[in-house]
Amino acid sequence: MQIIINPHKNLKIPIWSMIELQGDLQSNEKAAPFHGKIIGDLHYNLEGEPMLIIGHHVLTGRVAKLEKPLAILKKKQKEDEFEVTEYEVQGMVVQKLLFSERPRPIVANADAIFVK
């Protein structure tokens, strides 16, 4: 089924990005290990390339435009005689941050840590 989305001209739809990681994130918790938790920090360098810091590791990535944008929809059930299902657009995903290289460890200089 194809759903055509024609937003109203005055309606501002938020633009989102998604993050694509190559590999696995592992946690010691069994049930919902990452739910509601901060996984890392996302930064951009001067060239506009994304850098993701997770724990003691840095991942460098690139921004890639999606061939087909993805719509983030929220289902709204109408309670009337026709039982029509309606979807409300919450946002549009137009690009992804692709992290495909192996993470590099963060190594700090011991002299920089301790103040003399």
PDB file of N, CA and C in Angstrom:
ATOM      1  N   MET A   1       0.849  -1.174   0.000  1.00  0.00           N
ATOM      2  CA  MET A   1       0.000   0.000   0.000  1.00  0.00           C
ATOM      3  C   MET A   1       0.892   1.234   0.000  1.00  0.00           C
ATOM      4  N   GLN A   2       0.598   2.155  -0.860  1.00  0.00           N
ATOM      5  CA  GLN A   2       1.337   3.398  -0.952  1.00  0.00           C
ATOM      6  C   GLN A   2       0.523   4.507  -0.316  1.00  0.00           C
ATOM      7  N   ILE A   3       1.188   5.290   0.540  1.00  0.00           N
ATOM      8  CA  ILE A   3       0.530   6.421   1.195  1.00  0.00           C
ATOM      9  C   ILE A   3       1.192   7.687   0.684  1.00  0.00           C
ATOM     10  N   ILE A   4       0.442   8.553   0.078  1.00  0.00           N
ATOM     11  CA  ILE A   4       0.972   9.805  -0.459  1.00  0.00           C
ATOM     12  C   ILE A   4       0.798  10.885   0.588  1.00  0.00           C
ATOM     13  N   ILE A   5       1.900  11.615   0.860  1.00  0.00           N
ATOM     14  CA  ILE A   5       1.882  12.667   1.870  1.00  0.00           C
ATOM     15  C   ILE A   5       2.033  14.007   1.172  1.00  0.00           C
ATOM     16  N   ASN A   6       1.020  14.817   1.260  1.00  0.00           N
ATOM     17  CA  ASN A   6       1.058  16.169   0.720  1.00  0.00           C
ATOM     18  C   ASN A   6       0.857  17.132   1.884  1.00  0.00           C
ATOM     19  N   PRO A   7       1.942  17.620   2.486  1.00  0.00           N
ATOM     20  CA  PRO A   7       1.765  18.519   3.632  1.00  0.00           C
ATOM     21  C   PRO A   7       1.213  19.869   3.187  1.00  0.00           C
ATOM     22  N   HIS A   8       0.461  20.466   4.077  1.00  0.00           N
ATOM     23  CA  HIS A   8      -0.057  21.800   3.850  1.00  0.00           C
ATOM     24  C   HIS A   8       1.124  22.755   3.742  1.00  0.00           C
ATOM     25  N   LYS A   9       1.032  23.777   2.897  1.00  0.00           N
ATOM     26  CA  LYS A   9       2.168  24.684   2.653  1.00  0.00           C
ATOM     27  C   LYS A   9       2.612  25.413   3.915  1.00  0.00           C
ATOM     28  N   ASN A  10       1.706  25.695   4.817  1.00  0.00           N
ATOM     29  CA  ASN A  10       2.045  26.419   6.046  1.00  0.00           C
ATOM     30  C   ASN A  10       2.503  25.482   7.164  1.00  0.00           C
ATOM     31  N   LEU A  11       2.423  24.181   6.939  1.00  0.00           N
ATOM     32  CA  LEU A  11       2.792  23.205   7.966  1.00  0.00           C
ATOM     33  C   LEU A  11       4.289  22.964   7.937  1.00  0.00           C
ATOM     34  N   LYS A  12       4.943  23.158   9.044  1.00  0.00           N
ATOM     35  CA  LYS A  12       6.386  22.927   9.149  1.00  0.00           C
ATOM     36  C   LYS A  12       6.613  21.530   9.699  1.00  0.00           C
ATOM     37  N   ILE A  13       7.206  20.664   8.890  1.00  0.00           N
ATOM     38  CA  ILE A  13       7.496  19.300   9.308  1.00  0.00           C
ATOM     39  C   ILE A  13       8.961  19.247   9.730  1.00  0.00           C
ATOM     40  N   PRO A  14       9.261  18.761  10.937  1.00  0.00           N
ATOM     41  CA  PRO A  14      10.658  18.676  11.369  1.00  0.00           C
ATOM     42  C   PRO A  14      11.449  17.702  10.493  1.00  0.00           C
ATOM     43  N   ILE A  15      12.697  18.076  10.203  1.00  0.00           N
ATOM     44  CA  ILE A  15      13.588  17.233   9.424  1.00  0.00           C
ATOM     45  C   ILE A  15      14.494  16.497  10.401  1.00  0.00           C
ATOM     46  N   TRP A  16      14.544  15.169  10.276  1.00  0.00           N
ATOM     47  CA  TRP A  16      15.330  14.328  11.160  1.00  0.00           C
ATOM     48  C   TRP A  16      16.447  13.652  10.387  1.00  0.00           C
ATOM     49  N   SER A  17      17.411  13.145  11.112  1.00  0.00           N
ATOM     50  CA  SER A  17      18.469  12.309  10.551  1.00  0.00           C
ATOM     51  C   SER A  17      18.472  10.995  11.313  1.00  0.00           C
ATOM     52  N   MET A  18      18.914   9.939  10.660  1.00  0.00           N
ATOM     53  CA  MET A  18      19.062   8.672  11.375  1.00  0.00           C
ATOM     54  C   MET A  18      20.534   8.299  11.390  1.00  0.00           C
ATOM     55  N   ILE A  19      20.902   7.509  12.382  1.00  0.00           N
ATOM     56  CA  ILE A  19      22.287   7.069  12.540  1.00  0.00           C
ATOM     57  C   ILE A  19      22.372   5.607  12.164  1.00  0.00           C
ATOM     58  N   GLU A  20      23.326   5.277  11.297  1.00  0.00           N
ATOM     59  CA  GLU A  20      23.550   3.899  10.887  1.00  0.00           C
ATOM     60  C   GLU A  20      24.935   3.471  11.358  1.00  0.00           C
ATOM     61  N   LEU A  21      24.969   2.433  12.164  1.00  0.00           N
ATOM     62  CA  LEU A  21      26.225   1.887  12.681  1.00  0.00           C
ATOM     63  C   LEU A  21      26.476   0.524  12.052  1.00  0.00           C
ATOM     64  N   GLN A  22      27.711   0.258  11.721  1.00  0.00           N
ATOM     65  CA  GLN A  22      28.095  -1.057  11.221  1.00  0.00           C
ATOM     66  C   GLN A  22      28.637  -1.844  12.418  1.00  0.00           C
ATOM     67  N   GLY A  23      27.945  -2.865  12.839  1.00  0.00           N
ATOM     68  CA  GLY A  23      28.371  -3.642  13.995  1.00  0.00           C
ATOM     69  C   GLY A  23      27.292  -3.648  15.056  1.00  0.00           C
ATOM     70  N   ASP A  24      27.685  -3.977  16.271  1.00  0.00           N
ATOM     71  CA  ASP A  24      26.747  -4.126  17.380  1.00  0.00           C
ATOM     72  C   ASP A  24      27.137  -3.220  18.536  1.00  0.00           C
ATOM     73  N   LEU A  25      26.127  -2.750  19.249  1.00  0.00           N
ATOM     74  CA  LEU A  25      26.331  -2.113  20.544  1.00  0.00           C
ATOM     75  C   LEU A  25      25.957  -3.143  21.594  1.00  0.00           C
ATOM     76  N   GLN A  26      26.827  -3.350  22.554  1.00  0.00           N
ATOM     77  CA  GLN A  26      26.564  -4.351  23.575  1.00  0.00           C
ATOM     78  C   GLN A  26      26.450  -3.689  24.934  1.00  0.00           C
ATOM     79  N   SER A  27      25.589  -4.265  25.759  1.00  0.00           N
ATOM     80  CA  SER A  27      25.366  -3.764  27.105  1.00  0.00           C
ATOM     81  C   SER A  27      25.346  -4.945  28.066  1.00  0.00           C
ATOM     82  N   ASN A  28      25.627  -4.670  29.334  1.00  0.00           N
ATOM     83  CA  ASN A  28      25.586  -5.713  30.360  1.00  0.00           C
ATOM     84  C   ASN A  28      24.163  -5.999  30.828  1.00  0.00           C
ATOM     85  N   GLU A  29      23.237  -5.070  30.561  1.00  0.00           N
ATOM     86  CA  GLU A  29      21.851  -5.253  30.975  1.00  0.00           C
ATOM     87  C   GLU A  29      21.131  -6.161  29.981  1.00  0.00           C
ATOM     88  N   LYS A  30      20.223  -6.975  30.484  1.00  0.00           N
ATOM     89  CA  LYS A  30      19.497  -7.926  29.631  1.00  0.00           C
ATOM     90  C   LYS A  30      18.238  -7.316  29.024  1.00  0.00           C
ATOM     91  N   ALA A  31      17.382  -6.733  29.846  1.00  0.00           N
ATOM     92  CA  ALA A  31      16.094  -6.214  29.376  1.00  0.00           C
ATOM     93  C   ALA A  31      16.225  -4.735  29.026  1.00  0.00           C
ATOM     94  N   ALA A  32      15.919  -4.378  27.785  1.00  0.00           N
ATOM     95  CA  ALA A  32      15.943  -2.994  27.290  1.00  0.00           C
ATOM     96  C   ALA A  32      17.215  -2.263  27.706  1.00  0.00           C
ATOM     97  N   PRO A  33      18.382  -2.711  27.231  1.00  0.00           N
ATOM     98  CA  PRO A  33      19.643  -2.165  27.716  1.00  0.00           C
ATOM     99  C   PRO A  33      19.880  -0.696  27.379  1.00  0.00           C
ATOM    100  N   PHE A  34      19.338  -0.182  26.283  1.00  0.00           N
ATOM    101  CA  PHE A  34      19.619   1.192  25.881  1.00  0.00           C
ATOM    102  C   PHE A  34      18.401   2.104  25.978  1.00  0.00           C
ATOM    103  N   HIS A  35      17.278   1.574  26.452  1.00  0.00           N
ATOM    104  CA  HIS A  35      16.053   2.359  26.505  1.00  0.00           C
ATOM    105  C   HIS A  35      16.207   3.530  27.478  1.00  0.00           C
ATOM    106  N   GLY A  36      16.028   4.750  26.971  1.00  0.00           N
ATOM    107  CA  GLY A  36      16.067   5.945  27.808  1.00  0.00           C
ATOM    108  C   GLY A  36      17.449   6.336  28.283  1.00  0.00           C
ATOM    109  N   LYS A  37      18.490   5.795  27.676  1.00  0.00           N
ATOM    110  CA  LYS A  37      19.855   6.101  28.108  1.00  0.00           C
ATOM    111  C   LYS A  37      20.611   6.838  27.014  1.00  0.00           C
ATOM    112  N   ILE A  38      21.560   7.646  27.430  1.00  0.00           N
ATOM    113  CA  ILE A  38      22.435   8.335  26.481  1.00  0.00           C
ATOM    114  C   ILE A  38      23.532   7.356  26.065  1.00  0.00           C
ATOM    115  N   ILE A  39      23.648   7.138  24.778  1.00  0.00           N
ATOM    116  CA  ILE A  39      24.634   6.178  24.276  1.00  0.00           C
ATOM    117  C   ILE A  39      25.972   6.855  24.026  1.00  0.00           C
ATOM    118  N   GLY A  40      25.953   8.077  23.541  1.00  0.00           N
ATOM    119  CA  GLY A  40      27.207   8.765  23.236  1.00  0.00           C
ATOM    120  C   GLY A  40      26.956  10.228  22.904  1.00  0.00           C
ATOM    121  N   ASP A  41      28.019  10.887  22.447  1.00  0.00           N
ATOM    122  CA  ASP A  41      27.957  12.304  22.082  1.00  0.00           C
ATOM    123  C   ASP A  41      28.222  12.437  20.589  1.00  0.00           C
ATOM    124  N   LEU A  42      27.411  13.216  19.909  1.00  0.00           N
ATOM    125  CA  LEU A  42      27.568  13.447  18.487  1.00  0.00           C
ATOM    126  C   LEU A  42      28.131  14.838  18.275  1.00  0.00           C
ATOM    127  N   HIS A  43      29.225  14.918  17.530  1.00  0.00           N
ATOM    128  CA  HIS A  43      29.883  16.187  17.229  1.00  0.00           C
ATOM    129  C   HIS A  43      30.150  16.255  15.734  1.00  0.00           C
ATOM    130  N   TYR A  44      30.410  17.462  15.235  1.00  0.00           N
ATOM    131  CA  TYR A  44      30.796  17.664  13.844  1.00  0.00           C
ATOM    132  C   TYR A  44      32.132  18.401  13.814  1.00  0.00           C
ATOM    133  N   ASN A  45      33.040  17.991  12.902  1.00  0.00           N
ATOM    134  CA  ASN A  45      34.305  18.701  12.780  1.00  0.00           C
ATOM    135  C   ASN A  45      34.110  19.919  11.872  1.00  0.00           C
ATOM    136  N   LEU A  46      35.183  20.638  11.587  1.00  0.00           N
ATOM    137  CA  LEU A  46      35.076  21.865  10.800  1.00  0.00           C
ATOM    138  C   LEU A  46      34.631  21.613   9.364  1.00  0.00           C
ATOM    139  N   GLU A  47      34.878  20.401   8.859  1.00  0.00           N
ATOM    140  CA  GLU A  47      34.454  20.047   7.497  1.00  0.00           C
ATOM    141  C   GLU A  47      33.000  19.568   7.448  1.00  0.00           C
ATOM    142  N   GLY A  48      32.337  19.492   8.593  1.00  0.00           N
ATOM    143  CA  GLY A  48      30.947  19.056   8.647  1.00  0.00           C
ATOM    144  C   GLY A  48      30.780  17.555   8.725  1.00  0.00           C
ATOM    145  N   GLU A  49      31.850  16.814   8.991  1.00  0.00           N
ATOM    146  CA  GLU A  49      31.773  15.358   9.116  1.00  0.00           C
ATOM    147  C   GLU A  49      31.393  14.986  10.548  1.00  0.00           C
ATOM    148  N   PRO A  50      30.488  14.030  10.730  1.00  0.00           N
ATOM    149  CA  PRO A  50      30.067  13.648  12.080  1.00  0.00           C
ATOM    150  C   PRO A  50      31.097  12.780  12.792  1.00  0.00           C
ATOM    151  N   MET A  51      31.201  12.969  14.098  1.00  0.00           N
ATOM    152  CA  MET A  51      32.041  12.143  14.965  1.00  0.00           C
ATOM    153  C   MET A  51      31.183  11.714  16.137  1.00  0.00           C
ATOM    154  N   LEU A  52      31.164  10.423  16.428  1.00  0.00           N
ATOM    155  CA  LEU A  52      30.364   9.874  17.510  1.00  0.00           C
ATOM    156  C   LEU A  52      31.306   9.327  18.565  1.00  0.00           C
ATOM    157  N   ILE A  53      31.166   9.820  19.793  1.00  0.00           N
ATOM    158  CA  ILE A  53      31.996   9.358  20.910  1.00  0.00           C
ATOM    159  C   ILE A  53      31.130   8.476  21.789  1.00  0.00           C
ATOM    160  N   ILE A  54      31.526   7.194  21.887  1.00  0.00           N
ATOM    161  CA  ILE A  54      30.825   6.226  22.723  1.00  0.00           C
ATOM    162  C   ILE A  54      31.848   5.664  23.702  1.00  0.00           C
ATOM    163  N   GLY A  55      31.682   5.991  24.973  1.00  0.00           N
ATOM    164  CA  GLY A  55      32.629   5.515  25.985  1.00  0.00           C
ATOM    165  C   GLY A  55      34.015   6.060  25.712  1.00  0.00           C
ATOM    166  N   HIS A  56      34.979   5.167  25.509  1.00  0.00           N
ATOM    167  CA  HIS A  56      36.362   5.552  25.234  1.00  0.00           C
ATOM    168  C   HIS A  56      36.722   5.329  23.776  1.00  0.00           C
ATOM    169  N   HIS A  57      35.727   5.443  22.889  1.00  0.00           N
ATOM    170  CA  HIS A  57      35.951   5.212  21.465  1.00  0.00           C
ATOM    171  C   HIS A  57      35.363   6.356  20.635  1.00  0.00           C
ATOM    172  N   VAL A  58      36.030   6.645  19.517  1.00  0.00           N
ATOM    173  CA  VAL A  58      35.570   7.664  18.579  1.00  0.00           C
ATOM    174  C   VAL A  58      35.281   6.992  17.244  1.00  0.00           C
ATOM    175  N   LEU A  59      34.098   7.280  16.697  1.00  0.00           N
ATOM    176  CA  LEU A  59      33.748   6.802  15.369  1.00  0.00           C
ATOM    177  C   LEU A  59      33.620   8.010  14.455  1.00  0.00           C
ATOM    178  N   THR A  60      34.271   7.958  13.301  1.00  0.00           N
ATOM    179  CA  THR A  60      34.140   9.023  12.326  1.00  0.00           C
ATOM    180  C   THR A  60      33.219   8.543  11.214  1.00  0.00           C
ATOM    181  N   GLY A  61      32.407   9.435  10.709  1.00  0.00           N
ATOM    182  CA  GLY A  61      31.427   9.027   9.712  1.00  0.00           C
ATOM    183  C   GLY A  61      31.274  10.050   8.619  1.00  0.00           C
ATOM    184  N   ARG A  62      30.201   9.886   7.869  1.00  0.00           N
ATOM    185  CA  ARG A  62      29.882  10.807   6.789  1.00  0.00           C
ATOM    186  C   ARG A  62      28.365  10.968   6.714  1.00  0.00           C
ATOM    187  N   VAL A  63      27.943  12.045   6.081  1.00  0.00           N
ATOM    188  CA  VAL A  63      26.519  12.314   5.893  1.00  0.00           C
ATOM    189  C   VAL A  63      26.127  11.801   4.514  1.00  0.00           C
ATOM    190  N   ALA A  64      25.090  10.980   4.443  1.00  0.00           N
ATOM    191  CA  ALA A  64      24.601  10.437   3.176  1.00  0.00           C
ATOM    192  C   ALA A  64      23.116  10.781   3.034  1.00  0.00           C
ATOM    193  N   LYS A  65      22.754  11.270   1.861  1.00  0.00           N
ATOM    194  CA  LYS A  65      21.360  11.591   1.588  1.00  0.00           C
ATOM    195  C   LYS A  65      20.615  10.311   1.238  1.00  0.00           C
ATOM    196  N   LEU A  66      19.405  10.164   1.768  1.00  0.00           N
ATOM    197  CA  LEU A  66      18.582   9.000   1.466  1.00  0.00           C
ATOM    198  C   LEU A  66      17.992   9.126   0.062  1.00  0.00           C
ATOM    199  N   GLU A  67      17.937   8.015  -0.666  1.00  0.00           N
ATOM    200  CA  GLU A  67      17.322   8.037  -1.994  1.00  0.00           C
ATOM    201  C   GLU A  67      15.844   8.393  -1.899  1.00  0.00           C
ATOM    202  N   LYS A  68      15.169   7.765  -0.925  1.00  0.00           N
ATOM    203  CA  LYS A  68      13.755   8.049  -0.692  1.00  0.00           C
ATOM    204  C   LYS A  68      13.607   8.499   0.756  1.00  0.00           C
ATOM    205  N   PRO A  69      13.072   9.685   0.995  1.00  0.00           N
ATOM    206  CA  PRO A  69      12.872  10.128   2.382  1.00  0.00           C
ATOM    207  C   PRO A  69      11.890   9.211   3.107  1.00  0.00           C
ATOM    208  N   LEU A  70      12.067   9.117   4.419  1.00  0.00           N
ATOM    209  CA  LEU A  70      11.179   8.321   5.257  1.00  0.00           C
ATOM    210  C   LEU A  70      10.292   9.260   6.074  1.00  0.00           C
ATOM    211  N   ALA A  71       9.026   8.933   6.157  1.00  0.00           N
ATOM    212  CA  ALA A  71       8.095   9.722   6.963  1.00  0.00           C
ATOM    213  C   ALA A  71       7.917   9.039   8.312  1.00  0.00           C
ATOM    214  N   ILE A  72       7.968   9.813   9.380  1.00  0.00           N
ATOM    215  CA  ILE A  72       7.696   9.322  10.728  1.00  0.00           C
ATOM    216  C   ILE A  72       6.228   9.622  11.004  1.00  0.00           C
ATOM    217  N   LEU A  73       5.436   8.566  11.133  1.00  0.00           N
ATOM    218  CA  LEU A  73       3.994   8.717  11.265  1.00  0.00           C
ATOM    219  C   LEU A  73       3.500   8.279  12.634  1.00  0.00           C
ATOM    220  N   LYS A  74       2.445   8.930  13.096  1.00  0.00           N
ATOM    221  CA  LYS A  74       1.769   8.553  14.328  1.00  0.00           C
ATOM    222  C   LYS A  74       0.347   8.173  13.954  1.00  0.00           C
ATOM    223  N   LYS A  75      -0.049   6.968  14.347  1.00  0.00           N
ATOM    224  CA  LYS A  75      -1.368   6.466  13.994  1.00  0.00           C
ATOM    225  C   LYS A  75      -2.425   7.065  14.914  1.00  0.00           C
ATOM    226  N   LYS A  76      -3.505   7.564  14.310  1.00  0.00           N
ATOM    227  CA  LYS A  76      -4.625   8.120  15.063  1.00  0.00           C
ATOM    228  C   LYS A  76      -5.875   7.371  14.633  1.00  0.00           C
ATOM    229  N   GLN A  77      -6.502   6.723  15.566  1.00  0.00           N
ATOM    230  CA  GLN A  77      -7.723   5.962  15.280  1.00  0.00           C
ATOM    231  C   GLN A  77      -8.922   6.864  15.526  1.00  0.00           C
ATOM    232  N   LYS A  78      -9.733   7.022  14.518  1.00  0.00           N
ATOM    233  CA  LYS A  78     -10.944   7.840  14.672  1.00  0.00           C
ATOM    234  C   LYS A  78     -12.092   6.946  15.102  1.00  0.00           C
ATOM    235  N   GLU A  79     -12.834   7.421  16.053  1.00  0.00           N
ATOM    236  CA  GLU A  79     -13.994   6.678  16.552  1.00  0.00           C
ATOM    237  C   GLU A  79     -15.261   7.211  15.894  1.00  0.00           C
ATOM    238  N   ASP A  80     -15.522   6.753  14.702  1.00  0.00           N
ATOM    239  CA  ASP A  80     -16.776   7.116  14.053  1.00  0.00           C
ATOM    240  C   ASP A  80     -17.355   5.878  13.370  1.00  0.00           C
ATOM    241  N   GLU A  81     -18.403   6.072  12.643  1.00  0.00           N
ATOM    242  CA  GLU A  81     -19.085   4.920  12.047  1.00  0.00           C
ATOM    243  C   GLU A  81     -18.295   4.249  10.927  1.00  0.00           C
ATOM    244  N   PHE A  82     -17.341   4.959  10.316  1.00  0.00           N
ATOM    245  CA  PHE A  82     -16.583   4.381   9.202  1.00  0.00           C
ATOM    246  C   PHE A  82     -15.269   3.751   9.647  1.00  0.00           C
ATOM    247  N   GLU A  83     -14.857   3.969  10.882  1.00  0.00           N
ATOM    248  CA  GLU A  83     -13.596   3.452  11.442  1.00  0.00           C
ATOM    249  C   GLU A  83     -12.412   3.730  10.512  1.00  0.00           C
ATOM    250  N   VAL A  84     -12.199   4.999  10.210  1.00  0.00           N
ATOM    251  CA  VAL A  84     -11.114   5.430   9.335  1.00  0.00           C
ATOM    252  C   VAL A  84      -9.851   5.594  10.167  1.00  0.00           C
ATOM    253  N   THR A  85      -8.742   5.067   9.655  1.00  0.00           N
ATOM    254  CA  THR A  85      -7.455   5.241  10.312  1.00  0.00           C
ATOM    255  C   THR A  85      -6.743   6.418   9.674  1.00  0.00           C
ATOM    256  N   GLU A  86      -6.237   7.306  10.513  1.00  0.00           N
ATOM    257  CA  GLU A  86      -5.562   8.503  10.036  1.00  0.00           C
ATOM    258  C   GLU A  86      -4.140   8.512  10.576  1.00  0.00           C
ATOM    259  N   TYR A  87      -3.195   9.033   9.795  1.00  0.00           N
ATOM    260  CA  TYR A  87      -1.799   9.115  10.204  1.00  0.00           C
ATOM    261  C   TYR A  87      -1.370  10.580  10.227  1.00  0.00           C
ATOM    262  N   GLU A  88      -0.688  10.953  11.311  1.00  0.00           N
ATOM    263  CA  GLU A  88      -0.187  12.310  11.463  1.00  0.00           C
ATOM    264  C   GLU A  88       1.326  12.285  11.265  1.00  0.00           C
ATOM    265  N   VAL A  89       1.857  13.166  10.420  1.00  0.00           N
ATOM    266  CA  VAL A  89       3.291  13.209  10.135  1.00  0.00           C
ATOM    267  C   VAL A  89       4.006  13.894  11.299  1.00  0.00           C
ATOM    268  N   GLN A  90       4.939  13.173  11.923  1.00  0.00           N
ATOM    269  CA  GLN A  90       5.728  13.716  13.032  1.00  0.00           C
ATOM    270  C   GLN A  90       7.051  14.307  12.557  1.00  0.00           C
ATOM    271  N   GLY A  91       7.578  13.792  11.453  1.00  0.00           N
ATOM    272  CA  GLY A  91       8.845  14.287  10.923  1.00  0.00           C
ATOM    273  C   GLY A  91       9.216  13.553   9.647  1.00  0.00           C
ATOM    274  N   MET A  92      10.262  14.039   8.985  1.00  0.00           N
ATOM    275  CA  MET A  92      10.774  13.414   7.771  1.00  0.00           C
ATOM    276  C   MET A  92      12.267  13.149   7.944  1.00  0.00           C
ATOM    277  N   VAL A  93      12.694  11.936   7.604  1.00  0.00           N
ATOM    278  CA  VAL A  93      14.111  11.577   7.632  1.00  0.00           C
ATOM    279  C   VAL A  93      14.626  11.711   6.208  1.00  0.00           C
ATOM    280  N   VAL A  94      15.570  12.631   5.986  1.00  0.00           N
ATOM    281  CA  VAL A  94      16.078  12.876   4.641  1.00  0.00           C
ATOM    282  C   VAL A  94      17.548  12.503   4.486  1.00  0.00           C
ATOM    283  N   GLN A  95      18.244  12.275   5.605  1.00  0.00           N
ATOM    284  CA  GLN A  95      19.663  11.921   5.528  1.00  0.00           C
ATOM    285  C   GLN A  95      20.018  10.957   6.651  1.00  0.00           C
ATOM    286  N   LYS A  96      21.154  10.276   6.468  1.00  0.00           N
ATOM    287  CA  LYS A  96      21.633   9.396   7.522  1.00  0.00           C
ATOM    288  C   LYS A  96      23.096   9.710   7.793  1.00  0.00           C
ATOM    289  N   LEU A  97      23.470   9.513   9.039  1.00  0.00           N
ATOM    290  CA  LEU A  97      24.860   9.644   9.449  1.00  0.00           C
ATOM    291  C   LEU A  97      25.419   8.231   9.468  1.00  0.00           C
ATOM    292  N   LEU A  98      26.324   7.946   8.544  1.00  0.00           N
ATOM    293  CA  LEU A  98      26.834   6.597   8.335  1.00  0.00           C
ATOM    294  C   LEU A  98      28.197   6.459   8.989  1.00  0.00           C
ATOM    295  N   PHE A  99      28.283   5.543   9.959  1.00  0.00           N
ATOM    296  CA  PHE A  99      29.537   5.235  10.652  1.00  0.00           C
ATOM    297  C   PHE A  99      29.925   3.813  10.265  1.00  0.00           C
ATOM    298  N   SER A 100      30.800   3.675   9.266  1.00  0.00           N
ATOM    299  CA  SER A 100      31.126   2.353   8.738  1.00  0.00           C
ATOM    300  C   SER A 100      32.542   1.901   9.081  1.00  0.00           C
ATOM    301  N   GLU A 101      33.350   2.765   9.679  1.00  0.00           N
ATOM    302  CA  GLU A 101      34.725   2.394  10.023  1.00  0.00           C
ATOM    303  C   GLU A 101      34.796   1.876  11.452  1.00  0.00           C
ATOM    304  N   ARG A 102      35.876   1.174  11.742  1.00  0.00           N
ATOM    305  CA  ARG A 102      36.100   0.666  13.096  1.00  0.00           C
ATOM    306  C   ARG A 102      36.346   1.833  14.054  1.00  0.00           C
ATOM    307  N   PRO A 103      35.877   1.713  15.294  1.00  0.00           N
ATOM    308  CA  PRO A 103      36.106   2.793  16.266  1.00  0.00           C
ATOM    309  C   PRO A 103      37.580   2.883  16.650  1.00  0.00           C
ATOM    310  N   ARG A 104      38.022   4.112  16.907  1.00  0.00           N
ATOM    311  CA  ARG A 104      39.389   4.344  17.382  1.00  0.00           C
ATOM    312  C   ARG A 104      39.335   4.602  18.884  1.00  0.00           C
ATOM    313  N   PRO A 105      40.267   4.047  19.640  1.00  0.00           N
ATOM    314  CA  PRO A 105      40.275   4.315  21.090  1.00  0.00           C
ATOM    315  C   PRO A 105      40.751   5.739  21.371  1.00  0.00           C
ATOM    316  N   ILE A 106      40.207   6.319  22.432  1.00  0.00           N
ATOM    317  CA  ILE A 106      40.650   7.642  22.885  1.00  0.00           C
ATOM    318  C   ILE A 106      41.792   7.415  23.852  1.00  0.00           C
ATOM    319  N   VAL A 107      42.945   7.944  23.511  1.00  0.00           N
ATOM    320  CA  VAL A 107      44.133   7.812  24.357  1.00  0.00           C
ATOM    321  C   VAL A 107      44.540   9.211  24.778  1.00  0.00           C
ATOM    322  N   ALA A 108      44.635   9.424  26.084  1.00  0.00           N
ATOM    323  CA  ALA A 108      45.006  10.747  26.614  1.00  0.00           C
ATOM    324  C   ALA A 108      46.443  10.706  27.110  1.00  0.00           C
ATOM    325  N   ASN A 109      47.108  11.828  27.015  1.00  0.00           N
ATOM    326  CA  ASN A 109      48.464  11.983  27.523  1.00  0.00           C
ATOM    327  C   ASN A 109      48.388  12.088  29.042  1.00  0.00           C
ATOM    328  N   ALA A 110      49.124  11.273  29.772  1.00  0.00           N
ATOM    329  CA  ALA A 110      49.071  11.281  31.235  1.00  0.00           C
ATOM    330  C   ALA A 110      49.516  12.614  31.801  1.00  0.00           C
ATOM    331  N   ASP A 111      50.462  13.305  31.142  1.00  0.00           N
ATOM    332  CA  ASP A 111      50.916  14.608  31.631  1.00  0.00           C
ATOM    333  C   ASP A 111      49.815  15.658  31.526  1.00  0.00           C
ATOM    334  N   ALA A 112      48.929  15.504  30.552  1.00  0.00           N
ATOM    335  CA  ALA A 112      47.850  16.465  30.384  1.00  0.00           C
ATOM    336  C   ALA A 112      46.766  16.280  31.439  1.00  0.00           C
ATOM    337  N   ILE A 113      46.655  15.078  31.995  1.00  0.00           N
ATOM    338  CA  ILE A 113      45.621  14.799  32.979  1.00  0.00           C
ATOM    339  C   ILE A 113      45.999  15.345  34.348  1.00  0.00           C
ATOM    340  N   PHE A 114      47.227  15.136  34.758  1.00  0.00           N
ATOM    341  CA  PHE A 114      47.668  15.546  36.089  1.00  0.00           C
ATOM    342  C   PHE A 114      48.284  16.934  36.039  1.00  0.00           C
ATOM    343  N   VAL A 115      47.811  17.816  36.904  1.00  0.00           N
ATOM    344  CA  VAL A 115      48.342  19.174  36.980  1.00  0.00           C
ATOM    345  C   VAL A 115      49.530  19.165  37.908  1.00  0.00           C
ATOM    346  N   LYS A 116      50.640  19.728  37.457  1.00  0.00           N
ATOM    347  CA  LYS A 116      51.858  19.750  38.283  1.00  0.00           C
ATOM    348  C   LYS A 116      51.967  21.060  39.028  1.00  0.00           C
TER     349      LYS A 116
END
